[in-house]
């Protein structure tokens, strides 16, 4: 029996429109948790690496943070990471979503 899946393709003309689709594609709590953990790892590593002037730590922290967020997309949502198609809007939406989680606007 063939498996039928629907692909959601949203063409946005600005970030506000893009963010609506981004939030839809990141609707599962564990995806959002993975993104938040990845952001904490990346920002914490960049601060620590910058304070110690260690560029390898900075690069590793960013790579680790991106890997955690991408794992959330690939494993939990079963989709390609958003930053592959639109890296600027995806990064903006990623940080906006994380900020909304920290403020309590989005529940995990």
N, C-alpha and C. Protein backbone atom coordinates (compact mmCIF):
# COMPACT_ATOMS: atom_id res chain seq x y z
N UNK A 1 0.85 -1.17 0.00
CA UNK A 1 0.00 0.00 0.00
C UNK A 1 0.90 1.24 0.00
N UNK A 2 0.66 2.18 -0.87
CA UNK A 2 1.50 3.39 -0.92
C UNK A 2 1.20 4.31 0.27
N UNK A 3 2.24 4.99 0.69
CA UNK A 3 2.08 5.95 1.78
C UNK A 3 1.88 7.33 1.16
N UNK A 4 0.87 8.02 1.61
CA UNK A 4 0.55 9.35 1.09
C UNK A 4 0.91 10.38 2.13
N UNK A 5 1.71 11.35 1.73
CA UNK A 5 2.08 12.43 2.64
C UNK A 5 1.81 13.76 1.95
N UNK A 6 1.53 14.74 2.75
CA UNK A 6 1.30 16.08 2.23
C UNK A 6 2.51 16.94 2.56
N UNK A 7 2.96 17.70 1.59
CA UNK A 7 4.06 18.63 1.82
C UNK A 7 3.50 20.03 1.85
N UNK A 8 3.87 20.75 2.89
CA UNK A 8 3.41 22.12 3.02
C UNK A 8 4.49 23.05 2.50
N UNK A 9 4.23 23.71 1.43
CA UNK A 9 5.15 24.70 0.88
C UNK A 9 4.50 26.07 1.01
N UNK A 10 5.14 26.93 1.75
CA UNK A 10 4.61 28.27 1.95
C UNK A 10 5.58 29.26 1.33
N UNK A 11 5.09 30.08 0.43
CA UNK A 11 5.90 31.13 -0.17
C UNK A 11 5.57 32.43 0.55
N UNK A 12 6.54 32.97 1.25
CA UNK A 12 6.32 34.19 2.03
C UNK A 12 7.01 35.36 1.36
N UNK A 13 6.36 36.50 1.40
CA UNK A 13 6.95 37.70 0.81
C UNK A 13 7.64 38.56 1.87
N UNK A 14 7.43 38.23 3.15
CA UNK A 14 8.10 38.96 4.23
C UNK A 14 8.26 38.03 5.44
N UNK A 15 8.98 38.51 6.44
CA UNK A 15 9.25 37.65 7.60
C UNK A 15 7.99 37.33 8.39
N UNK A 16 7.07 38.27 8.49
CA UNK A 16 5.84 38.02 9.25
C UNK A 16 5.08 36.83 8.66
N UNK A 17 4.97 36.78 7.35
CA UNK A 17 4.30 35.66 6.69
C UNK A 17 5.11 34.38 6.87
N UNK A 18 6.42 34.48 6.73
CA UNK A 18 7.28 33.30 6.87
C UNK A 18 7.16 32.70 8.27
N UNK A 19 7.10 33.56 9.27
CA UNK A 19 7.07 33.09 10.66
C UNK A 19 5.83 32.25 10.95
N UNK A 20 4.72 32.58 10.33
CA UNK A 20 3.49 31.79 10.52
C UNK A 20 3.74 30.35 10.06
N UNK A 21 4.31 30.18 8.89
CA UNK A 21 4.63 28.85 8.38
C UNK A 21 5.70 28.16 9.21
N UNK A 22 6.67 28.92 9.68
CA UNK A 22 7.75 28.37 10.52
C UNK A 22 7.17 27.78 11.79
N UNK A 23 6.26 28.50 12.41
CA UNK A 23 5.65 28.00 13.65
C UNK A 23 4.81 26.75 13.39
N UNK A 24 4.16 26.69 12.23
CA UNK A 24 3.39 25.50 11.87
C UNK A 24 4.33 24.31 11.71
N UNK A 25 5.48 24.53 11.06
CA UNK A 25 6.45 23.45 10.85
C UNK A 25 7.19 23.07 12.13
N UNK A 26 7.08 23.88 13.16
CA UNK A 26 7.72 23.60 14.45
C UNK A 26 6.66 23.53 15.54
N UNK A 27 5.63 22.75 15.29
CA UNK A 27 4.47 22.73 16.18
C UNK A 27 4.62 21.74 17.34
N UNK A 28 5.49 20.76 17.21
CA UNK A 28 5.61 19.75 18.27
C UNK A 28 6.51 20.27 19.39
N UNK A 29 6.10 20.04 20.64
CA UNK A 29 6.88 20.56 21.78
C UNK A 29 8.34 20.11 21.79
N UNK A 30 8.62 18.87 21.41
CA UNK A 30 10.01 18.41 21.44
C UNK A 30 10.85 19.09 20.37
N UNK A 31 10.27 19.46 19.26
CA UNK A 31 11.02 20.23 18.27
C UNK A 31 11.41 21.57 18.86
N UNK A 32 10.48 22.21 19.50
CA UNK A 32 10.75 23.52 20.11
C UNK A 32 11.78 23.39 21.23
N UNK A 33 11.69 22.32 22.00
CA UNK A 33 12.68 22.10 23.07
C UNK A 33 14.08 21.93 22.49
N UNK A 34 14.18 21.15 21.42
CA UNK A 34 15.49 20.93 20.79
C UNK A 34 16.06 22.25 20.26
N UNK A 35 15.21 23.09 19.70
CA UNK A 35 15.66 24.39 19.21
C UNK A 35 16.13 25.28 20.37
N UNK A 36 15.39 25.28 21.45
CA UNK A 36 15.78 26.10 22.60
C UNK A 36 17.09 25.60 23.21
N UNK A 37 17.23 24.29 23.36
CA UNK A 37 18.47 23.73 23.90
C UNK A 37 19.64 24.06 22.98
N UNK A 38 19.43 23.93 21.68
CA UNK A 38 20.49 24.27 20.72
C UNK A 38 20.89 25.73 20.81
N UNK A 39 19.93 26.60 21.02
CA UNK A 39 20.23 28.03 21.16
C UNK A 39 21.03 28.30 22.42
N UNK A 40 20.65 27.67 23.52
CA UNK A 40 21.39 27.84 24.77
C UNK A 40 22.83 27.34 24.61
N UNK A 41 23.00 26.19 23.98
CA UNK A 41 24.34 25.65 23.74
C UNK A 41 25.16 26.61 22.88
N UNK A 42 24.57 27.09 21.79
CA UNK A 42 25.30 27.97 20.88
C UNK A 42 25.65 29.30 21.53
N UNK A 43 24.69 29.95 22.14
CA UNK A 43 24.95 31.26 22.75
C UNK A 43 25.92 31.12 23.93
N UNK A 44 25.71 30.12 24.76
CA UNK A 44 26.62 29.90 25.89
C UNK A 44 28.04 29.61 25.42
N UNK A 45 28.17 28.80 24.40
CA UNK A 45 29.49 28.48 23.86
C UNK A 45 30.17 29.66 23.20
N UNK A 46 29.39 30.48 22.51
CA UNK A 46 29.95 31.67 21.88
C UNK A 46 30.45 32.64 22.96
N UNK A 47 29.67 32.82 24.01
CA UNK A 47 30.09 33.71 25.10
C UNK A 47 31.35 33.16 25.78
N UNK A 48 31.34 31.87 26.11
CA UNK A 48 32.50 31.27 26.78
C UNK A 48 33.73 31.27 25.86
N UNK A 49 33.52 30.91 24.61
CA UNK A 49 34.63 30.90 23.66
C UNK A 49 35.17 32.29 23.39
N UNK A 50 34.27 33.26 23.35
CA UNK A 50 34.70 34.65 23.16
C UNK A 50 35.46 35.17 24.36
N UNK A 51 35.01 34.81 25.54
CA UNK A 51 35.67 35.27 26.77
C UNK A 51 37.07 34.68 26.89
N UNK A 52 37.24 33.45 26.42
CA UNK A 52 38.56 32.81 26.49
C UNK A 52 39.34 32.98 25.19
N UNK A 53 38.77 33.69 24.25
CA UNK A 53 39.38 33.91 22.93
C UNK A 53 39.74 32.59 22.25
N UNK A 54 38.79 31.68 22.27
CA UNK A 54 38.98 30.36 21.68
C UNK A 54 38.04 30.20 20.49
N UNK A 55 38.54 30.44 19.26
CA UNK A 55 37.66 30.36 18.10
C UNK A 55 37.13 28.95 17.83
N UNK A 56 37.87 27.94 18.25
CA UNK A 56 37.40 26.56 18.05
C UNK A 56 36.17 26.30 18.92
N UNK A 57 36.18 26.82 20.13
CA UNK A 57 35.02 26.67 21.01
C UNK A 57 33.81 27.41 20.45
N UNK A 58 34.05 28.59 19.88
CA UNK A 58 32.95 29.35 19.28
C UNK A 58 32.35 28.56 18.12
N UNK A 59 33.20 28.09 17.22
CA UNK A 59 32.71 27.32 16.07
C UNK A 59 32.02 26.03 16.48
N UNK A 60 32.59 25.35 17.46
CA UNK A 60 31.98 24.12 17.94
C UNK A 60 30.63 24.35 18.60
N UNK A 61 30.52 25.44 19.33
CA UNK A 61 29.25 25.77 19.98
C UNK A 61 28.17 26.06 18.96
N UNK A 62 28.52 26.83 17.94
CA UNK A 62 27.54 27.14 16.89
C UNK A 62 27.15 25.86 16.15
N UNK A 63 28.13 25.04 15.80
CA UNK A 63 27.84 23.79 15.09
C UNK A 63 26.97 22.86 15.95
N UNK A 64 27.28 22.77 17.24
CA UNK A 64 26.48 21.94 18.13
C UNK A 64 25.05 22.43 18.27
N UNK A 65 24.89 23.74 18.38
CA UNK A 65 23.55 24.32 18.49
C UNK A 65 22.72 24.09 17.24
N UNK A 66 23.35 24.29 16.08
CA UNK A 66 22.65 24.06 14.81
C UNK A 66 22.30 22.58 14.67
N UNK A 67 23.21 21.71 15.08
CA UNK A 67 22.96 20.27 14.98
C UNK A 67 21.77 19.85 15.85
N UNK A 68 21.66 20.40 17.04
CA UNK A 68 20.52 20.08 17.90
C UNK A 68 19.20 20.56 17.29
N UNK A 69 19.20 21.77 16.76
CA UNK A 69 17.98 22.29 16.13
C UNK A 69 17.62 21.47 14.89
N UNK A 70 18.62 21.13 14.08
CA UNK A 70 18.37 20.33 12.89
C UNK A 70 17.87 18.94 13.26
N UNK A 71 18.40 18.38 14.34
CA UNK A 71 17.93 17.06 14.79
C UNK A 71 16.46 17.12 15.18
N UNK A 72 16.05 18.21 15.79
CA UNK A 72 14.64 18.37 16.12
C UNK A 72 13.77 18.36 14.88
N UNK A 73 14.23 19.04 13.85
CA UNK A 73 13.47 19.06 12.59
C UNK A 73 13.44 17.68 11.94
N UNK A 74 14.61 17.04 11.86
CA UNK A 74 14.71 15.77 11.16
C UNK A 74 14.06 14.61 11.91
N UNK A 75 14.28 14.54 13.21
CA UNK A 75 13.81 13.39 13.98
C UNK A 75 12.38 13.57 14.47
N UNK A 76 12.07 14.71 15.03
CA UNK A 76 10.75 14.91 15.62
C UNK A 76 9.71 15.27 14.56
N UNK A 77 9.99 16.28 13.76
CA UNK A 77 9.02 16.73 12.76
C UNK A 77 9.10 15.94 11.45
N UNK A 78 10.21 15.22 11.25
CA UNK A 78 10.44 14.44 10.03
C UNK A 78 10.38 15.31 8.77
N UNK A 79 11.16 16.38 8.82
CA UNK A 79 11.24 17.31 7.69
C UNK A 79 12.64 17.88 7.62
N UNK A 80 12.98 18.44 6.48
CA UNK A 80 14.28 19.08 6.33
C UNK A 80 14.32 20.37 7.14
N UNK A 81 15.48 20.70 7.69
CA UNK A 81 15.60 21.94 8.45
C UNK A 81 15.25 23.16 7.60
N UNK A 82 14.56 24.10 8.20
CA UNK A 82 14.08 25.29 7.48
C UNK A 82 15.21 26.15 6.96
N UNK A 83 16.35 26.15 7.66
CA UNK A 83 17.44 27.05 7.25
C UNK A 83 18.08 26.63 5.93
N UNK A 84 17.76 25.45 5.43
CA UNK A 84 18.32 25.04 4.15
C UNK A 84 17.69 25.79 2.98
N UNK A 85 16.42 26.18 3.12
CA UNK A 85 15.74 26.88 2.03
C UNK A 85 15.80 28.39 2.17
N UNK A 86 15.69 28.89 3.37
CA UNK A 86 15.70 30.34 3.58
C UNK A 86 16.45 30.63 4.89
N UNK A 87 17.78 30.68 4.83
CA UNK A 87 18.56 30.79 6.06
C UNK A 87 18.31 32.07 6.86
N UNK A 88 18.06 33.17 6.20
CA UNK A 88 17.89 34.44 6.93
C UNK A 88 16.56 34.44 7.68
N UNK A 89 15.46 34.20 6.97
CA UNK A 89 14.16 34.18 7.64
C UNK A 89 14.08 33.06 8.67
N UNK A 90 14.68 31.90 8.38
CA UNK A 90 14.64 30.79 9.33
C UNK A 90 15.38 31.14 10.62
N UNK A 91 16.52 31.80 10.49
CA UNK A 91 17.27 32.20 11.69
C UNK A 91 16.49 33.25 12.48
N UNK A 92 15.89 34.20 11.78
CA UNK A 92 15.09 35.21 12.46
C UNK A 92 13.92 34.56 13.20
N UNK A 93 13.24 33.63 12.54
CA UNK A 93 12.10 32.95 13.16
C UNK A 93 12.54 32.06 14.31
N UNK A 94 13.69 31.44 14.16
CA UNK A 94 14.23 30.59 15.23
C UNK A 94 14.43 31.40 16.51
N UNK A 95 15.11 32.53 16.40
CA UNK A 95 15.35 33.34 17.60
C UNK A 95 14.06 33.96 18.13
N UNK A 96 13.14 34.29 17.24
CA UNK A 96 11.85 34.82 17.69
C UNK A 96 11.09 33.76 18.47
N UNK A 97 11.07 32.52 17.96
CA UNK A 97 10.39 31.43 18.66
C UNK A 97 11.03 31.18 20.02
N UNK A 98 12.36 31.15 20.07
CA UNK A 98 13.05 30.92 21.35
C UNK A 98 12.74 32.04 22.34
N UNK A 99 12.69 33.27 21.87
CA UNK A 99 12.36 34.40 22.75
C UNK A 99 10.93 34.26 23.27
N UNK A 100 10.01 33.82 22.41
CA UNK A 100 8.62 33.64 22.83
C UNK A 100 8.52 32.52 23.88
N UNK A 101 9.36 31.49 23.75
CA UNK A 101 9.38 30.41 24.75
C UNK A 101 9.89 30.95 26.08
N UNK A 102 10.98 31.71 26.04
CA UNK A 102 11.56 32.27 27.27
C UNK A 102 10.58 33.20 27.97
N UNK A 103 9.85 34.01 27.19
CA UNK A 103 8.87 34.94 27.77
C UNK A 103 7.64 34.22 28.30
N UNK A 104 7.42 32.98 27.88
CA UNK A 104 6.25 32.24 28.32
C UNK A 104 5.07 32.34 27.38
N UNK A 105 5.27 32.97 26.23
CA UNK A 105 4.19 33.07 25.24
C UNK A 105 3.90 31.72 24.58
N UNK A 106 4.91 30.86 24.51
CA UNK A 106 4.77 29.53 23.93
C UNK A 106 5.07 28.52 25.04
N UNK A 107 4.17 27.61 25.25
CA UNK A 107 4.34 26.59 26.28
C UNK A 107 5.04 25.36 25.69
N UNK A 108 5.90 24.77 26.49
CA UNK A 108 6.56 23.54 26.07
C UNK A 108 5.92 22.38 26.79
